[in-house]
Amino acid sequence: MTVAVVTAAIPERFGLLREALDSVAAQTLRPDEHIVVVDYDRRDTAQTLNRALAAVTSEWVAVLDDDDLLYPWHLETLVGASTLADVVYSWCDCEMGFDVNVPFDPARLRQGNYIPTTALVRTEKLREVGGWPDERMQDWALWLRLLDAEARFKYVPRVTWRYRRHGGPQKALGGL
């Protein structure tokens, strides 16, 4: 099994990006590729992630936002739980003061997003649904597309990453 990590970055957060890159380098299961695309034009996260996805050659893709951190066991945990799944996600330490650690429930997902962007997704399935949609709350829209495409979701009730709040604009829950 091969795994790629993709990171969309913006120049204002290069200090945070360095820490994110270090957290990928510290994985107990090293990714086969780590693709970082910088959005210098501030176009949009979905377009930037789709540019990264176009370069992926691995069977699985995991996203790491430039301002978040993976704990060393993140990829190993998700890959270990990937049998019979197309999307595998884990729980996080959240600096935002709210709990987003929710077991998979398709009806609840249709009401609002709780699946983090750091999920591990089969590359083939991700490409089948056209990658990240170029719309507001693109992560949630992606999960809904995958749900409609009969993707098999699996959650791991273990904290494997850190959702960080920084001095910049606050991330919306739908952007998880």
C-alpha atoms as a PDB file:
ATOM      1  CA  MET A   1       0.000   0.000   0.000  1.00  0.00           C
ATOM      2  CA  THR A   2       1.340   3.426  -0.925  1.00  0.00           C
ATOM      3  CA  VAL A   3       0.365   6.694   0.731  1.00  0.00           C
ATOM      4  CA  ALA A   4       0.720  10.331  -0.290  1.00  0.00           C
ATOM      5  CA  VAL A   5       0.292  13.338   1.948  1.00  0.00           C
ATOM      6  CA  VAL A   6      -0.812  16.511   0.190  1.00  0.00           C
ATOM      7  CA  THR A   7      -0.545  19.962   1.697  1.00  0.00           C
ATOM      8  CA  ALA A   8      -1.993  23.188   0.343  1.00  0.00           C
ATOM      9  CA  ALA A   9      -0.078  26.138   1.728  1.00  0.00           C
ATOM     10  CA  ILE A  10      -0.277  29.911   1.689  1.00  0.00           C
ATOM     11  CA  PRO A  11       2.811  32.134   2.013  1.00  0.00           C
ATOM     12  CA  GLU A  12       1.626  33.905   5.175  1.00  0.00           C
ATOM     13  CA  ARG A  13       1.797  30.607   7.063  1.00  0.00           C
ATOM     14  CA  PHE A  14       5.243  29.369   6.044  1.00  0.00           C
ATOM     15  CA  GLY A  15       6.297  29.250   9.732  1.00  0.00           C
ATOM     16  CA  LEU A  16       3.389  26.948  10.524  1.00  0.00           C
ATOM     17  CA  LEU A  17       4.044  24.996   7.315  1.00  0.00           C
ATOM     18  CA  ARG A  18       7.563  24.134   8.509  1.00  0.00           C
ATOM     19  CA  GLU A  19       6.078  22.556  11.655  1.00  0.00           C
ATOM     20  CA  ALA A  20       3.486  20.684   9.569  1.00  0.00           C
ATOM     21  CA  LEU A  21       6.239  19.335   7.295  1.00  0.00           C
ATOM     22  CA  ASP A  22       8.236  18.228  10.328  1.00  0.00           C
ATOM     23  CA  SER A  23       5.180  16.325  11.613  1.00  0.00           C
ATOM     24  CA  VAL A  24       4.978  14.419   8.309  1.00  0.00           C
ATOM     25  CA  ALA A  25       8.698  13.634   8.448  1.00  0.00           C
ATOM     26  CA  ALA A  26       8.216  12.199  11.965  1.00  0.00           C
ATOM     27  CA  GLN A  27       5.589   9.606  10.906  1.00  0.00           C
ATOM     28  CA  THR A  28       6.182   6.031  12.080  1.00  0.00           C
ATOM     29  CA  LEU A  29       4.797   4.996   8.684  1.00  0.00           C
ATOM     30  CA  ARG A  30       6.515   7.329   6.263  1.00  0.00           C
ATOM     31  CA  PRO A  31       4.471   8.484   3.269  1.00  0.00           C
ATOM     32  CA  ASP A  32       5.693   7.435  -0.159  1.00  0.00           C
ATOM     33  CA  GLU A  33       5.267  11.005  -1.312  1.00  0.00           C
ATOM     34  CA  HIS A  34       4.537  14.384   0.241  1.00  0.00           C
ATOM     35  CA  ILE A  35       3.276  16.922  -2.244  1.00  0.00           C
ATOM     36  CA  VAL A  36       3.158  20.562  -1.158  1.00  0.00           C
ATOM     37  CA  VAL A  37       1.536  23.154  -3.398  1.00  0.00           C
ATOM     38  CA  VAL A  38       1.734  26.820  -2.447  1.00  0.00           C
ATOM     39  CA  ASP A  39      -1.227  28.980  -3.412  1.00  0.00           C
ATOM     40  CA  TYR A  40       0.684  32.200  -4.116  1.00  0.00           C
ATOM     41  CA  ASP A  41      -2.310  33.697  -5.917  1.00  0.00           C
ATOM     42  CA  ARG A  42      -4.698  32.899  -3.042  1.00  0.00           C
ATOM     43  CA  ARG A  43      -7.057  31.214  -5.499  1.00  0.00           C
ATOM     44  CA  ASP A  44      -8.690  28.572  -3.398  1.00  0.00           C
ATOM     45  CA  THR A  45      -7.862  25.530  -1.310  1.00  0.00           C
ATOM     46  CA  ALA A  46      -9.822  23.119  -3.527  1.00  0.00           C
ATOM     47  CA  GLN A  47      -7.922  24.152  -6.667  1.00  0.00           C
ATOM     48  CA  THR A  48      -4.622  23.881  -4.827  1.00  0.00           C
ATOM     49  CA  LEU A  49      -5.442  20.426  -3.451  1.00  0.00           C
ATOM     50  CA  ASN A  50      -6.570  19.278  -6.896  1.00  0.00           C
ATOM     51  CA  ARG A  51      -3.237  20.423  -8.365  1.00  0.00           C
ATOM     52  CA  ALA A  52      -1.525  18.299  -5.725  1.00  0.00           C
ATOM     53  CA  LEU A  53      -3.863  15.366  -6.406  1.00  0.00           C
ATOM     54  CA  ALA A  54      -2.903  15.463 -10.097  1.00  0.00           C
ATOM     55  CA  ALA A  55       0.684  14.653  -9.075  1.00  0.00           C
ATOM     56  CA  VAL A  56      -0.192  11.781  -6.715  1.00  0.00           C
ATOM     57  CA  THR A  57       0.922   8.299  -7.762  1.00  0.00           C
ATOM     58  CA  SER A  58       0.046   6.546  -4.477  1.00  0.00           C
ATOM     59  CA  GLU A  59      -2.996   4.377  -3.749  1.00  0.00           C
ATOM     60  CA  TRP A  60      -4.087   6.545  -0.816  1.00  0.00           C
ATOM     61  CA  VAL A  61      -4.114  10.285  -0.121  1.00  0.00           C
ATOM     62  CA  ALA A  62      -4.124  12.083   3.215  1.00  0.00           C
ATOM     63  CA  VAL A  63      -4.342  15.857   3.528  1.00  0.00           C
ATOM     64  CA  LEU A  64      -2.507  17.964   6.059  1.00  0.00           C
ATOM     65  CA  ASP A  65      -3.397  21.641   6.205  1.00  0.00           C
ATOM     66  CA  ASP A  66      -0.358  23.892   6.481  1.00  0.00           C
ATOM     67  CA  ASP A  67      -1.408  25.030   9.952  1.00  0.00           C
ATOM     68  CA  ASP A  68      -2.133  21.619  11.531  1.00  0.00           C
ATOM     69  CA  LEU A  69       0.076  18.821  12.860  1.00  0.00           C
ATOM     70  CA  LEU A  70       0.075  15.042  12.562  1.00  0.00           C
ATOM     71  CA  TYR A  71       1.117  13.001  15.566  1.00  0.00           C
ATOM     72  CA  PRO A  72       3.773  10.404  14.677  1.00  0.00           C
ATOM     73  CA  TRP A  73       1.252   7.542  14.605  1.00  0.00           C
ATOM     74  CA  HIS A  74      -1.311   9.252  12.337  1.00  0.00           C
ATOM     75  CA  LEU A  75      -0.612   7.499   9.024  1.00  0.00           C
ATOM     76  CA  GLU A  76       0.171   4.155  10.644  1.00  0.00           C
ATOM     77  CA  THR A  77      -3.149   4.254  12.511  1.00  0.00           C
ATOM     78  CA  LEU A  78      -5.238   5.181   9.472  1.00  0.00           C
ATOM     79  CA  VAL A  79      -3.528   2.716   7.149  1.00  0.00           C
ATOM     80  CA  GLY A  80      -3.943  -0.002   9.784  1.00  0.00           C
ATOM     81  CA  ALA A  81      -7.697   0.622   9.791  1.00  0.00           C
ATOM     82  CA  SER A  82      -8.105   0.929   6.013  1.00  0.00           C
ATOM     83  CA  THR A  83      -9.240  -2.636   5.287  1.00  0.00           C
ATOM     84  CA  LEU A  84     -12.599  -2.549   3.478  1.00  0.00           C
ATOM     85  CA  ALA A  85     -12.696   1.258   3.572  1.00  0.00           C
ATOM     86  CA  ASP A  86     -12.392   4.092   1.070  1.00  0.00           C
ATOM     87  CA  VAL A  87     -12.214   6.904   3.638  1.00  0.00           C
ATOM     88  CA  VAL A  88     -10.621   6.521   7.073  1.00  0.00           C
ATOM     89  CA  TYR A  89     -10.558   9.349   9.602  1.00  0.00           C
ATOM     90  CA  SER A  90      -9.438   9.737  13.177  1.00  0.00           C
ATOM     91  CA  TRP A  91     -10.022  12.087  16.032  1.00  0.00           C
ATOM     92  CA  CYS A  92      -8.071  15.201  16.888  1.00  0.00           C
ATOM     93  CA  ASP A  93      -6.916  17.477  19.639  1.00  0.00           C
ATOM     94  CA  CYS A  94      -8.820  20.657  18.874  1.00  0.00           C
ATOM     95  CA  GLU A  95      -7.576  24.079  19.988  1.00  0.00           C
ATOM     96  CA  MET A  96     -10.879  25.654  18.974  1.00  0.00           C
ATOM     97  CA  GLY A  97     -12.816  24.697  22.077  1.00  0.00           C
ATOM     98  CA  PHE A  98     -15.377  22.406  20.430  1.00  0.00           C
ATOM     99  CA  ASP A  99     -15.569  18.655  19.985  1.00  0.00           C
ATOM    100  CA  VAL A 100     -15.436  17.340  16.427  1.00  0.00           C
ATOM    101  CA  ASN A 101     -14.659  13.735  17.356  1.00  0.00           C
ATOM    102  CA  VAL A 102     -17.738  11.972  16.026  1.00  0.00           C
ATOM    103  CA  PRO A 103     -18.248   8.347  14.903  1.00  0.00           C
ATOM    104  CA  PHE A 104     -19.376   7.912  11.316  1.00  0.00           C
ATOM    105  CA  ASP A 105     -23.083   8.431  10.738  1.00  0.00           C
ATOM    106  CA  PRO A 106     -24.234   9.106   7.157  1.00  0.00           C
ATOM    107  CA  ALA A 107     -27.433  10.889   8.245  1.00  0.00           C
ATOM    108  CA  ARG A 108     -25.484  13.196  10.546  1.00  0.00           C
ATOM    109  CA  LEU A 109     -22.939  13.883   7.781  1.00  0.00           C
ATOM    110  CA  ARG A 110     -25.754  15.113   5.535  1.00  0.00           C
ATOM    111  CA  GLN A 111     -26.643  17.654   8.266  1.00  0.00           C
ATOM    112  CA  GLY A 112     -23.136  19.051   8.680  1.00  0.00           C
ATOM    113  CA  ASN A 113     -19.467  18.222   8.421  1.00  0.00           C
ATOM    114  CA  TYR A 114     -17.550  16.503  11.180  1.00  0.00           C
ATOM    115  CA  ILE A 115     -15.036  14.533   9.104  1.00  0.00           C
ATOM    116  CA  PRO A 116     -11.610  16.170   9.134  1.00  0.00           C
ATOM    117  CA  THR A 117      -9.618  17.018   6.059  1.00  0.00           C
ATOM    118  CA  THR A 118      -6.824  14.788   7.415  1.00  0.00           C
ATOM    119  CA  ALA A 119      -8.762  11.658   6.435  1.00  0.00           C
ATOM    120  CA  LEU A 120      -7.078   8.969   4.378  1.00  0.00           C
ATOM    121  CA  VAL A 121      -8.883   8.511   1.042  1.00  0.00           C
ATOM    122  CA  ARG A 122      -8.404   6.013  -1.780  1.00  0.00           C
ATOM    123  CA  THR A 123      -6.900   8.007  -4.631  1.00  0.00           C
ATOM    124  CA  GLU A 124      -9.013   6.196  -7.221  1.00  0.00           C
ATOM    125  CA  LYS A 125     -12.233   7.037  -5.355  1.00  0.00           C
ATOM    126  CA  LEU A 126     -11.146  10.644  -4.867  1.00  0.00           C
ATOM    127  CA  ARG A 127     -10.504  11.015  -8.578  1.00  0.00           C
ATOM    128  CA  GLU A 128     -13.754   9.200  -9.419  1.00  0.00           C
ATOM    129  CA  VAL A 129     -15.752  11.994  -7.742  1.00  0.00           C
ATOM    130  CA  GLY A 130     -13.650  14.729  -9.347  1.00  0.00           C
ATOM    131  CA  GLY A 131     -11.460  15.632  -6.380  1.00  0.00           C
ATOM    132  CA  TRP A 132     -12.260  18.584  -4.179  1.00  0.00           C
ATOM    133  CA  PRO A 133     -15.238  20.594  -5.405  1.00  0.00           C
ATOM    134  CA  ASP A 134     -14.599  24.272  -6.037  1.00  0.00           C
ATOM    135  CA  GLU A 135     -17.246  25.535  -3.663  1.00  0.00           C
ATOM    136  CA  ARG A 136     -17.653  26.829  -0.136  1.00  0.00           C
ATOM    137  CA  MET A 137     -17.007  24.162   2.522  1.00  0.00           C
ATOM    138  CA  GLN A 138     -15.283  21.970  -0.042  1.00  0.00           C
ATOM    139  CA  ASP A 139     -14.356  19.259   2.470  1.00  0.00           C
ATOM    140  CA  TRP A 140     -17.968  18.648   3.432  1.00  0.00           C
ATOM    141  CA  ALA A 141     -19.003  18.728  -0.237  1.00  0.00           C
ATOM    142  CA  LEU A 142     -16.293  16.147  -0.977  1.00  0.00           C
ATOM    143  CA  TRP A 143     -17.489  13.803   1.791  1.00  0.00           C
ATOM    144  CA  LEU A 144     -21.049  14.082   0.478  1.00  0.00           C
ATOM    145  CA  ARG A 145     -19.894  13.280  -3.053  1.00  0.00           C
ATOM    146  CA  LEU A 146     -18.000  10.259  -1.739  1.00  0.00           C
ATOM    147  CA  LEU A 147     -21.031   9.187   0.304  1.00  0.00           C
ATOM    148  CA  ASP A 148     -23.217   9.436  -2.810  1.00  0.00           C
ATOM    149  CA  ALA A 149     -20.601   7.397  -4.727  1.00  0.00           C
ATOM    150  CA  GLU A 150     -21.022   4.650  -2.103  1.00  0.00           C
ATOM    151  CA  ALA A 151     -17.598   5.128  -0.563  1.00  0.00           C
ATOM    152  CA  ARG A 152     -17.074   3.114   2.609  1.00  0.00           C
ATOM    153  CA  PHE A 153     -16.254   5.364   5.578  1.00  0.00           C
ATOM    154  CA  LYS A 154     -14.492   4.226   8.723  1.00  0.00           C
ATOM    155  CA  TYR A 155     -13.540   6.164  11.813  1.00  0.00           C
ATOM    156  CA  VAL A 156     -10.792   5.396  14.288  1.00  0.00           C
ATOM    157  CA  PRO A 157     -11.584   6.606  17.826  1.00  0.00           C
ATOM    158  CA  ARG A 158      -7.989   7.612  18.478  1.00  0.00           C
ATOM    159  CA  VAL A 159      -6.484  11.096  18.506  1.00  0.00           C
ATOM    160  CA  THR A 160      -3.824  11.200  15.783  1.00  0.00           C
ATOM    161  CA  TRP A 161      -3.510  14.878  14.862  1.00  0.00           C
ATOM    162  CA  ARG A 162      -3.787  18.435  16.164  1.00  0.00           C
ATOM    163  CA  TYR A 163      -6.210  21.018  14.772  1.00  0.00           C
ATOM    164  CA  ARG A 164      -4.476  24.298  15.505  1.00  0.00           C
ATOM    165  CA  ARG A 165      -5.776  27.779  15.894  1.00  0.00           C
ATOM    166  CA  HIS A 166      -3.344  30.485  14.965  1.00  0.00           C
ATOM    167  CA  GLY A 167      -3.319  34.280  14.817  1.00  0.00           C
ATOM    168  CA  GLY A 168      -4.891  34.347  11.348  1.00  0.00           C
ATOM    169  CA  PRO A 169      -8.533  34.005  10.378  1.00  0.00           C
ATOM    170  CA  GLN A 170     -10.391  31.359  12.342  1.00  0.00           C
ATOM    171  CA  LYS A 171     -11.086  28.178  10.407  1.00  0.00           C
ATOM    172  CA  ALA A 172     -14.727  27.241  10.137  1.00  0.00           C
ATOM    173  CA  LEU A 173     -15.887  23.827  11.307  1.00  0.00           C
ATOM    174  CA  GLY A 174     -17.057  23.121   7.757  1.00  0.00           C
ATOM    175  CA  GLY A 175     -13.460  23.576   6.652  1.00  0.00           C
ATOM    176  CA  LEU A 176     -12.275  20.649   8.722  1.00  0.00           C
END
